[in-house]
Amino acid sequence: MILPEHHLSDFAAIDFEAANGKVTSACSMGLVIVRGDEIVERFYSLMKPVPNKYDFYTTKVHGISYRDTNNADLFPAVWDKVADKVQGLSFVAHGISFDERVLKALHQLYHIPYPNYPFYCTHLGSQQLLPELENHKLHTVARCFGFELEHRHNALADAEACAVIAMHIF
């Protein structure tokens, strides 16, 4: 889905960073919860990826390495900290083709029931609603709404930028 049928006043913005090209290799997760059109909670965690192997390029992009996550919690322990908080919420991501696939893959890998969260994409939504922008990269669209994304490829910063965008376009 690109655009929700009704205004989203309550939702969770999510972003993952990956250790390598495998969909289950999330090494960090950022989550921002919005209720009543206001950010009410921010959550960030490193995670031990599966497989626990880092590509040079991904580490260069986000700065996370094997040393940072080798002793980190696996996804189930991280998800347990937020599962109740996102129950019944829609999700938004800037490029859901990645973040939604990662969330589903991690639920499947660890045999966690997946409640089929509605997902909306701020990238596709901004392309449709803001065609005049020079591009629709996360930092460009966020800046359009007054949010300066200073720490690109930090999962929490990216999730917060996504939440700001969603509050304006959804």
N, C-alpha and C. Protein backbone atom coordinates (compact mmCIF):
# COMPACT_ATOMS: atom_id res chain seq x y z
N MET A 1 0.84 -1.18 0.00
CA MET A 1 0.00 0.00 0.00
C MET A 1 0.89 1.24 0.00
N ILE A 2 0.44 2.25 -0.70
CA ILE A 2 1.19 3.50 -0.70
C ILE A 2 0.58 4.48 0.26
N LEU A 3 -0.67 4.82 0.06
CA LEU A 3 -1.33 5.82 0.90
C LEU A 3 -2.44 5.16 1.71
N PRO A 4 -2.52 5.50 2.99
CA PRO A 4 -3.62 4.96 3.80
C PRO A 4 -4.94 5.59 3.39
N GLU A 5 -6.03 4.89 3.64
CA GLU A 5 -7.35 5.41 3.30
C GLU A 5 -7.75 6.58 4.18
N HIS A 6 -7.25 6.60 5.41
CA HIS A 6 -7.57 7.66 6.37
C HIS A 6 -6.28 8.21 6.97
N HIS A 7 -6.36 9.39 7.53
CA HIS A 7 -5.20 9.99 8.19
C HIS A 7 -4.67 9.05 9.29
N LEU A 8 -3.35 8.88 9.32
CA LEU A 8 -2.73 8.07 10.36
C LEU A 8 -2.31 9.00 11.50
N SER A 9 -2.97 8.90 12.62
CA SER A 9 -2.54 9.69 13.78
C SER A 9 -1.76 8.83 14.77
N ASP A 10 -1.89 7.51 14.65
CA ASP A 10 -1.18 6.56 15.50
C ASP A 10 -0.49 5.55 14.58
N PHE A 11 0.82 5.42 14.72
CA PHE A 11 1.57 4.48 13.90
C PHE A 11 2.97 4.29 14.48
N ALA A 12 3.71 3.36 13.91
CA ALA A 12 5.10 3.13 14.28
C ALA A 12 5.95 3.26 13.02
N ALA A 13 6.98 4.08 13.09
CA ALA A 13 7.95 4.19 12.00
C ALA A 13 9.12 3.27 12.36
N ILE A 14 9.56 2.48 11.38
CA ILE A 14 10.60 1.49 11.66
C ILE A 14 11.70 1.57 10.62
N ASP A 15 12.91 1.29 11.07
CA ASP A 15 14.04 1.25 10.15
C ASP A 15 15.03 0.21 10.65
N PHE A 16 15.58 -0.54 9.70
CA PHE A 16 16.61 -1.52 10.00
C PHE A 16 17.88 -1.17 9.25
N GLU A 17 19.01 -1.52 9.83
CA GLU A 17 20.29 -1.51 9.13
C GLU A 17 20.74 -2.96 9.07
N ALA A 18 21.38 -3.32 7.96
CA ALA A 18 21.75 -4.71 7.73
C ALA A 18 23.26 -4.90 7.73
N ALA A 19 23.69 -6.08 8.13
CA ALA A 19 25.11 -6.42 8.18
C ALA A 19 25.63 -6.88 6.82
N ASN A 20 24.74 -7.44 6.03
CA ASN A 20 25.13 -7.98 4.72
C ASN A 20 23.88 -8.05 3.84
N GLY A 21 23.96 -8.72 2.73
CA GLY A 21 22.86 -8.77 1.78
C GLY A 21 21.71 -9.69 2.14
N LYS A 22 21.82 -10.42 3.21
CA LYS A 22 20.75 -11.34 3.62
C LYS A 22 19.64 -10.58 4.34
N VAL A 23 18.41 -10.93 4.05
CA VAL A 23 17.27 -10.21 4.61
C VAL A 23 17.15 -10.38 6.12
N THR A 24 17.77 -11.42 6.67
CA THR A 24 17.72 -11.65 8.12
C THR A 24 18.93 -11.04 8.85
N SER A 25 19.74 -10.26 8.14
CA SER A 25 20.98 -9.78 8.75
C SER A 25 20.84 -8.41 9.41
N ALA A 26 19.65 -8.08 9.90
CA ALA A 26 19.47 -6.79 10.59
C ALA A 26 20.41 -6.72 11.78
N CYS A 27 21.16 -5.63 11.85
CA CYS A 27 22.11 -5.46 12.96
C CYS A 27 21.69 -4.31 13.87
N SER A 28 20.70 -3.53 13.45
CA SER A 28 20.13 -2.50 14.33
C SER A 28 18.70 -2.22 13.89
N MET A 29 17.92 -1.77 14.86
CA MET A 29 16.53 -1.43 14.60
C MET A 29 16.21 -0.12 15.32
N GLY A 30 15.58 0.77 14.60
CA GLY A 30 15.06 2.00 15.19
C GLY A 30 13.55 2.00 15.04
N LEU A 31 12.86 2.43 16.09
CA LEU A 31 11.41 2.44 16.09
C LEU A 31 10.94 3.73 16.76
N VAL A 32 10.03 4.42 16.11
CA VAL A 32 9.46 5.64 16.65
C VAL A 32 7.96 5.46 16.67
N ILE A 33 7.36 5.63 17.85
CA ILE A 33 5.91 5.46 17.99
C ILE A 33 5.25 6.83 18.04
N VAL A 34 4.22 6.97 17.21
CA VAL A 34 3.46 8.22 17.13
C VAL A 34 2.04 7.91 17.59
N ARG A 35 1.55 8.74 18.50
CA ARG A 35 0.15 8.64 18.95
C ARG A 35 -0.42 10.04 19.00
N GLY A 36 -1.61 10.20 18.43
CA GLY A 36 -2.23 11.51 18.40
C GLY A 36 -1.38 12.53 17.67
N ASP A 37 -0.74 12.11 16.60
CA ASP A 37 0.10 12.97 15.77
C ASP A 37 1.32 13.54 16.49
N GLU A 38 1.77 12.85 17.53
CA GLU A 38 2.98 13.28 18.24
C GLU A 38 3.87 12.08 18.53
N ILE A 39 5.15 12.30 18.42
CA ILE A 39 6.10 11.25 18.77
C ILE A 39 6.07 11.07 20.28
N VAL A 40 5.76 9.85 20.71
CA VAL A 40 5.66 9.57 22.14
C VAL A 40 6.75 8.64 22.64
N GLU A 41 7.42 7.95 21.72
CA GLU A 41 8.46 7.02 22.17
C GLU A 41 9.45 6.76 21.05
N ARG A 42 10.72 6.64 21.45
CA ARG A 42 11.80 6.29 20.53
C ARG A 42 12.50 5.06 21.10
N PHE A 43 12.84 4.12 20.22
CA PHE A 43 13.52 2.90 20.66
C PHE A 43 14.62 2.57 19.66
N TYR A 44 15.78 2.21 20.19
CA TYR A 44 16.90 1.81 19.34
C TYR A 44 17.60 0.62 19.98
N SER A 45 18.00 -0.31 19.15
CA SER A 45 18.78 -1.43 19.66
C SER A 45 19.67 -2.00 18.57
N LEU A 46 20.87 -2.37 18.98
CA LEU A 46 21.72 -3.21 18.14
C LEU A 46 21.20 -4.63 18.27
N MET A 47 21.46 -5.45 17.25
CA MET A 47 21.05 -6.85 17.28
C MET A 47 22.15 -7.69 16.66
N LYS A 48 22.25 -8.92 17.10
CA LYS A 48 23.19 -9.85 16.48
C LYS A 48 22.55 -10.34 15.18
N PRO A 49 23.18 -10.07 14.05
CA PRO A 49 22.57 -10.45 12.77
C PRO A 49 22.71 -11.94 12.46
N VAL A 50 21.86 -12.40 11.56
CA VAL A 50 21.92 -13.77 11.06
C VAL A 50 21.95 -13.70 9.53
N PRO A 51 23.05 -14.11 8.91
CA PRO A 51 24.29 -14.61 9.49
C PRO A 51 25.09 -13.48 10.12
N ASN A 52 25.92 -13.85 11.07
CA ASN A 52 26.70 -12.87 11.84
C ASN A 52 28.00 -12.56 11.09
N LYS A 53 27.82 -11.91 9.95
CA LYS A 53 28.94 -11.60 9.07
C LYS A 53 28.66 -10.23 8.46
N TYR A 54 29.66 -9.38 8.43
CA TYR A 54 29.51 -8.03 7.90
C TYR A 54 30.23 -7.87 6.58
N ASP A 55 29.56 -7.22 5.64
CA ASP A 55 30.19 -6.83 4.39
C ASP A 55 30.92 -5.51 4.62
N PHE A 56 32.02 -5.32 3.93
CA PHE A 56 32.78 -4.09 4.05
C PHE A 56 31.89 -2.88 3.75
N TYR A 57 31.10 -2.97 2.69
CA TYR A 57 30.29 -1.83 2.26
C TYR A 57 29.24 -1.46 3.31
N THR A 58 28.56 -2.43 3.88
CA THR A 58 27.51 -2.10 4.85
C THR A 58 28.10 -1.44 6.09
N THR A 59 29.23 -1.93 6.55
CA THR A 59 29.89 -1.29 7.70
C THR A 59 30.31 0.12 7.34
N LYS A 60 30.79 0.31 6.13
CA LYS A 60 31.18 1.66 5.69
C LYS A 60 29.97 2.60 5.68
N VAL A 61 28.79 2.09 5.33
CA VAL A 61 27.58 2.92 5.25
C VAL A 61 27.09 3.30 6.64
N HIS A 62 26.93 2.33 7.54
CA HIS A 62 26.32 2.64 8.84
C HIS A 62 27.27 2.62 10.02
N GLY A 63 28.47 2.13 9.84
CA GLY A 63 29.47 2.18 10.90
C GLY A 63 29.36 1.07 11.94
N ILE A 64 28.45 0.14 11.76
CA ILE A 64 28.27 -0.96 12.72
C ILE A 64 29.11 -2.14 12.25
N SER A 65 29.79 -2.78 13.19
CA SER A 65 30.65 -3.91 12.83
C SER A 65 30.37 -5.11 13.74
N TYR A 66 31.02 -6.20 13.40
CA TYR A 66 30.91 -7.44 14.16
C TYR A 66 31.16 -7.21 15.65
N ARG A 67 32.18 -6.40 15.98
CA ARG A 67 32.50 -6.13 17.38
C ARG A 67 31.33 -5.46 18.11
N ASP A 68 30.56 -4.66 17.40
CA ASP A 68 29.45 -3.95 18.03
C ASP A 68 28.28 -4.87 18.37
N THR A 69 28.09 -5.93 17.60
CA THR A 69 26.88 -6.74 17.75
C THR A 69 27.12 -8.20 18.13
N ASN A 70 28.36 -8.63 18.22
CA ASN A 70 28.61 -10.04 18.49
C ASN A 70 27.98 -10.49 19.80
N ASN A 71 27.90 -9.63 20.78
CA ASN A 71 27.29 -9.99 22.06
C ASN A 71 25.92 -9.33 22.26
N ALA A 72 25.37 -8.77 21.20
CA ALA A 72 24.05 -8.12 21.28
C ALA A 72 22.95 -9.18 21.31
N ASP A 73 21.77 -8.73 21.71
CA ASP A 73 20.61 -9.63 21.72
C ASP A 73 20.22 -10.03 20.30
N LEU A 74 19.64 -11.21 20.20
CA LEU A 74 19.02 -11.62 18.94
C LEU A 74 17.67 -10.92 18.80
N PHE A 75 17.11 -10.92 17.61
CA PHE A 75 15.87 -10.22 17.33
C PHE A 75 14.74 -10.54 18.32
N PRO A 76 14.50 -11.79 18.70
CA PRO A 76 13.37 -12.04 19.60
C PRO A 76 13.44 -11.25 20.91
N ALA A 77 14.62 -11.12 21.48
CA ALA A 77 14.75 -10.36 22.73
C ALA A 77 14.51 -8.87 22.49
N VAL A 78 14.96 -8.37 21.35
CA VAL A 78 14.74 -6.97 21.00
C VAL A 78 13.26 -6.73 20.75
N TRP A 79 12.64 -7.61 19.98
CA TRP A 79 11.23 -7.45 19.63
C TRP A 79 10.34 -7.54 20.87
N ASP A 80 10.71 -8.37 21.82
CA ASP A 80 9.93 -8.48 23.06
C ASP A 80 9.80 -7.14 23.77
N LYS A 81 10.77 -6.27 23.61
CA LYS A 81 10.74 -4.95 24.27
C LYS A 81 9.74 -3.99 23.64
N VAL A 82 9.31 -4.27 22.40
CA VAL A 82 8.42 -3.32 21.71
C VAL A 82 7.12 -3.94 21.20
N ALA A 83 7.01 -5.24 21.20
CA ALA A 83 5.86 -5.91 20.59
C ALA A 83 4.52 -5.41 21.14
N ASP A 84 4.42 -5.28 22.45
CA ASP A 84 3.17 -4.79 23.04
C ASP A 84 2.89 -3.34 22.66
N LYS A 85 3.93 -2.55 22.50
CA LYS A 85 3.78 -1.13 22.20
C LYS A 85 3.28 -0.88 20.78
N VAL A 86 3.56 -1.81 19.87
CA VAL A 86 3.15 -1.62 18.48
C VAL A 86 1.90 -2.41 18.12
N GLN A 87 1.36 -3.13 19.07
CA GLN A 87 0.17 -3.94 18.82
C GLN A 87 -0.95 -3.05 18.30
N GLY A 88 -1.52 -3.43 17.17
CA GLY A 88 -2.64 -2.70 16.58
C GLY A 88 -2.26 -1.47 15.78
N LEU A 89 -0.96 -1.16 15.70
CA LEU A 89 -0.53 0.01 14.94
C LEU A 89 -0.19 -0.36 13.50
N SER A 90 -0.32 0.61 12.62
CA SER A 90 0.23 0.50 11.27
C SER A 90 1.70 0.86 11.35
N PHE A 91 2.46 0.40 10.37
CA PHE A 91 3.87 0.72 10.27
C PHE A 91 4.11 1.61 9.06
N VAL A 92 5.11 2.46 9.18
CA VAL A 92 5.58 3.24 8.05
C VAL A 92 7.09 3.06 7.96
N ALA A 93 7.59 3.09 6.74
CA ALA A 93 9.02 2.99 6.49
C ALA A 93 9.32 3.75 5.21
N HIS A 94 10.54 4.20 5.08
CA HIS A 94 10.94 4.90 3.86
C HIS A 94 11.62 3.86 2.97
N GLY A 95 10.81 3.19 2.19
CA GLY A 95 11.29 2.07 1.38
C GLY A 95 10.87 0.76 2.01
N ILE A 96 9.56 0.52 2.03
CA ILE A 96 9.06 -0.68 2.73
C ILE A 96 9.51 -1.97 2.07
N SER A 97 9.94 -1.90 0.81
CA SER A 97 10.38 -3.13 0.17
C SER A 97 11.54 -3.75 0.95
N PHE A 98 12.29 -2.94 1.67
CA PHE A 98 13.36 -3.47 2.53
C PHE A 98 12.86 -3.74 3.94
N ASP A 99 12.37 -2.71 4.62
CA ASP A 99 12.06 -2.83 6.05
C ASP A 99 10.93 -3.81 6.33
N GLU A 100 9.91 -3.84 5.50
CA GLU A 100 8.82 -4.81 5.71
C GLU A 100 9.33 -6.23 5.48
N ARG A 101 10.16 -6.41 4.46
CA ARG A 101 10.72 -7.76 4.20
C ARG A 101 11.58 -8.22 5.37
N VAL A 102 12.38 -7.32 5.94
CA VAL A 102 13.23 -7.67 7.07
C VAL A 102 12.38 -8.07 8.27
N LEU A 103 11.37 -7.25 8.59
CA LEU A 103 10.51 -7.56 9.74
C LEU A 103 9.82 -8.91 9.58
N LYS A 104 9.29 -9.17 8.40
CA LYS A 104 8.63 -10.46 8.15
C LYS A 104 9.62 -11.62 8.21
N ALA A 105 10.80 -11.42 7.62
CA ALA A 105 11.81 -12.49 7.60
C ALA A 105 12.29 -12.83 9.01
N LEU A 106 12.46 -11.82 9.84
CA LEU A 106 12.91 -12.08 11.21
C LEU A 106 11.83 -12.78 12.03
N HIS A 107 10.58 -12.39 11.82
CA HIS A 107 9.48 -13.11 12.49
C HIS A 107 9.47 -14.58 12.05
N GLN A 108 9.64 -14.79 10.76
CA GLN A 108 9.62 -16.16 10.24
C GLN A 108 10.82 -16.96 10.75
N LEU A 109 12.00 -16.37 10.72
CA LEU A 109 13.21 -17.06 11.16
C LEU A 109 13.08 -17.56 12.59
N TYR A 110 12.50 -16.74 13.44
CA TYR A 110 12.39 -17.09 14.86
C TYR A 110 11.02 -17.64 15.25
N HIS A 111 10.20 -17.95 14.26
CA HIS A 111 8.88 -18.55 14.50
C HIS A 111 8.02 -17.69 15.42
N ILE A 112 8.08 -16.38 15.20
CA ILE A 112 7.25 -15.43 15.95
C ILE A 112 6.03 -15.15 15.08
N PRO A 113 4.82 -15.33 15.58
CA PRO A 113 3.64 -15.04 14.76
C PRO A 113 3.68 -13.59 14.27
N TYR A 114 3.41 -13.42 12.98
CA TYR A 114 3.42 -12.09 12.37
C TYR A 114 1.98 -11.63 12.18
N PRO A 115 1.60 -10.52 12.85
CA PRO A 115 0.19 -10.09 12.79
C PRO A 115 -0.21 -9.33 11.53
N ASN A 116 0.58 -9.43 10.47
CA ASN A 116 0.26 -8.81 9.20
C ASN A 116 -0.01 -7.31 9.34
N TYR A 117 0.96 -6.61 9.90
CA TYR A 117 0.85 -5.17 10.11
C TYR A 117 0.59 -4.45 8.79
N PRO A 118 -0.33 -3.50 8.78
CA PRO A 118 -0.44 -2.64 7.59
C PRO A 118 0.85 -1.82 7.48
N PHE A 119 1.41 -1.73 6.29
CA PHE A 119 2.65 -0.99 6.05
C PHE A 119 2.42 0.07 4.99
N TYR A 120 2.95 1.25 5.22
CA TYR A 120 2.87 2.35 4.26
C TYR A 120 4.27 2.89 4.02
N CYS A 121 4.49 3.36 2.82
CA CYS A 121 5.82 3.77 2.41
C CYS A 121 5.90 5.29 2.23
N THR A 122 6.75 5.94 3.03
CA THR A 122 6.90 7.38 2.90
C THR A 122 7.68 7.75 1.64
N HIS A 123 8.49 6.83 1.13
CA HIS A 123 9.20 7.11 -0.12
C HIS A 123 8.21 7.18 -1.28
N LEU A 124 7.41 6.14 -1.43
CA LEU A 124 6.42 6.13 -2.51
C LEU A 124 5.36 7.20 -2.31
N GLY A 125 4.95 7.40 -1.05
CA GLY A 125 3.96 8.43 -0.76
C GLY A 125 4.47 9.82 -1.11
N SER A 126 5.74 10.08 -0.80
CA SER A 126 6.29 11.40 -1.12
C SER A 126 6.45 11.58 -2.63
N GLN A 127 6.78 10.51 -3.34
CA GLN A 127 6.85 10.61 -4.80
C GLN A 127 5.50 11.00 -5.39
N GLN A 128 4.45 10.41 -4.83
CA GLN A 128 3.10 10.67 -5.33
C GLN A 128 2.60 12.06 -4.92
N LEU A 129 2.85 12.46 -3.67
CA LEU A 129 2.29 13.70 -3.16
C LEU A 129 3.20 14.91 -3.32
N LEU A 130 4.49 14.68 -3.50
CA LEU A 130 5.46 15.79 -3.61
C LEU A 130 6.34 15.61 -4.85
N PRO A 131 5.74 15.54 -6.03
CA PRO A 131 6.53 15.27 -7.23
C PRO A 131 7.55 16.37 -7.56
N GLU A 132 7.37 17.54 -6.98
CA GLU A 132 8.25 18.67 -7.28
C GLU A 132 9.61 18.60 -6.59
N LEU A 133 9.78 17.71 -5.63
CA LEU A 133 11.06 17.61 -4.92
C LEU A 133 12.17 17.18 -5.87
N GLU A 134 13.40 17.63 -5.60
CA GLU A 134 14.54 17.28 -6.44
C GLU A 134 14.79 15.77 -6.46
N ASN A 135 14.54 15.11 -5.32
CA ASN A 135 14.59 13.65 -5.23
C ASN A 135 13.74 13.26 -4.02
N HIS A 136 13.59 11.99 -3.79
CA HIS A 136 12.74 11.53 -2.69
C HIS A 136 13.51 10.68 -1.69
N LYS A 137 14.80 11.01 -1.57
CA LYS A 137 15.62 10.37 -0.54
C LYS A 137 15.11 10.83 0.82
N LEU A 138 15.37 10.00 1.82
CA LEU A 138 14.86 10.26 3.17
C LEU A 138 15.24 11.65 3.67
N HIS A 139 16.51 12.01 3.56
CA HIS A 139 16.94 13.30 4.09
C HIS A 139 16.34 14.48 3.32
N THR A 140 16.11 14.31 2.03
CA THR A 140 15.52 15.39 1.23
C THR A 140 14.07 15.62 1.62
N VAL A 141 13.30 14.55 1.73
CA VAL A 141 11.88 14.68 2.07
C VAL A 141 11.74 15.18 3.50
N ALA A 142 12.55 14.67 4.41
CA ALA A 142 12.49 15.12 5.81
C ALA A 142 12.78 16.62 5.90
N ARG A 143 13.79 17.08 5.17
CA ARG A 143 14.14 18.50 5.19
C ARG A 143 12.96 19.36 4.71
N CYS A 144 12.20 18.84 3.77
CA CYS A 144 11.02 19.54 3.26
C CYS A 144 10.05 19.87 4.41
N PHE A 145 10.06 19.05 5.45
CA PHE A 145 9.17 19.24 6.60
C PHE A 145 9.92 19.75 7.84
N GLY A 146 11.10 20.30 7.63
CA GLY A 146 11.84 20.96 8.71
C GLY A 146 12.67 20.04 9.58
N PHE A 147 12.87 18.79 9.18
CA PHE A 147 13.67 17.85 9.96
C PHE A 147 15.01 17.64 9.28
N GLU A 148 16.08 18.00 9.95
CA GLU A 148 17.43 17.79 9.42
C GLU A 148 17.94 16.43 9.89
N LEU A 149 18.14 15.53 8.96
CA LEU A 149 18.64 14.19 9.26
C LEU A 149 20.16 14.25 9.33
N GLU A 150 20.68 14.38 10.54
CA GLU A 150 22.11 14.57 10.73
C GLU A 150 22.89 13.25 10.78
N HIS A 151 22.23 12.17 11.14
CA HIS A 151 22.92 10.88 11.30
C HIS A 151 22.31 9.85 10.36
N ARG A 152 22.53 10.03 9.07
CA ARG A 152 21.98 9.09 8.09
C ARG A 152 22.49 7.68 8.35
N HIS A 153 21.63 6.73 8.12
CA HIS A 153 21.91 5.30 8.30
C HIS A 153 22.10 4.92 9.76
N ASN A 154 21.62 5.76 10.66
CA ASN A 154 21.41 5.35 12.04
C ASN A 154 19.93 4.98 12.09
N ALA A 155 19.61 3.78 12.50
CA ALA A 155 18.23 3.29 12.40
C ALA A 155 17.24 4.17 13.16
N LEU A 156 17.62 4.69 14.30
CA LEU A 156 16.69 5.54 15.05
C LEU A 156 16.51 6.89 14.36
N ALA A 157 17.58 7.50 13.91
CA ALA A 157 17.47 8.79 13.22
C ALA A 157 16.64 8.63 11.95
N ASP A 158 16.87 7.55 11.20
CA ASP A 158 16.09 7.31 9.99
C ASP A 158 14.62 7.07 10.31
N ALA A 159 14.34 6.32 11.38
CA ALA A 159 12.94 6.07 11.76
C ALA A 159 12.27 7.37 12.18
N GLU A 160 12.99 8.24 12.88
CA GLU A 160 12.39 9.51 13.30
C GLU A 160 12.11 10.40 12.09
N ALA A 161 13.03 10.45 11.13
CA ALA A 161 12.79 11.22 9.91
C ALA A 161 11.56 10.68 9.18
N CYS A 162 11.45 9.37 9.12
CA CYS A 162 10.30 8.73 8.48
C CYS A 162 9.01 9.10 9.21
N ALA A 163 9.05 9.11 10.53
CA ALA A 163 7.86 9.46 11.31
C ALA A 163 7.43 10.90 11.03
N VAL A 164 8.39 11.81 10.96
CA VAL A 164 8.07 13.22 10.67
C VAL A 164 7.41 13.34 9.30
N ILE A 165 7.96 12.65 8.32
CA ILE A 165 7.38 12.67 6.98
C ILE A 165 5.95 12.13 7.01
N ALA A 166 5.79 10.97 7.66
CA ALA A 166 4.47 10.34 7.71
C ALA A 166 3.44 11.23 8.38
N MET A 167 3.84 11.96 9.43
CA MET A 167 2.90 12.84 10.10
C MET A 167 2.41 13.94 9.17
N HIS A 168 3.20 14.27 8.16
CA HIS A 168 2.80 15.33 7.22
C HIS A 168 2.05 14.80 6.00
N ILE A 169 2.41 13.61 5.52
CA ILE A 169 1.78 13.16 4.28
C ILE A 169 0.69 12.11 4.47
N PHE A 170 0.66 11.48 5.63
CA PHE A 170 -0.36 10.45 5.87
C PHE A 170 -1.35 10.95 6.89
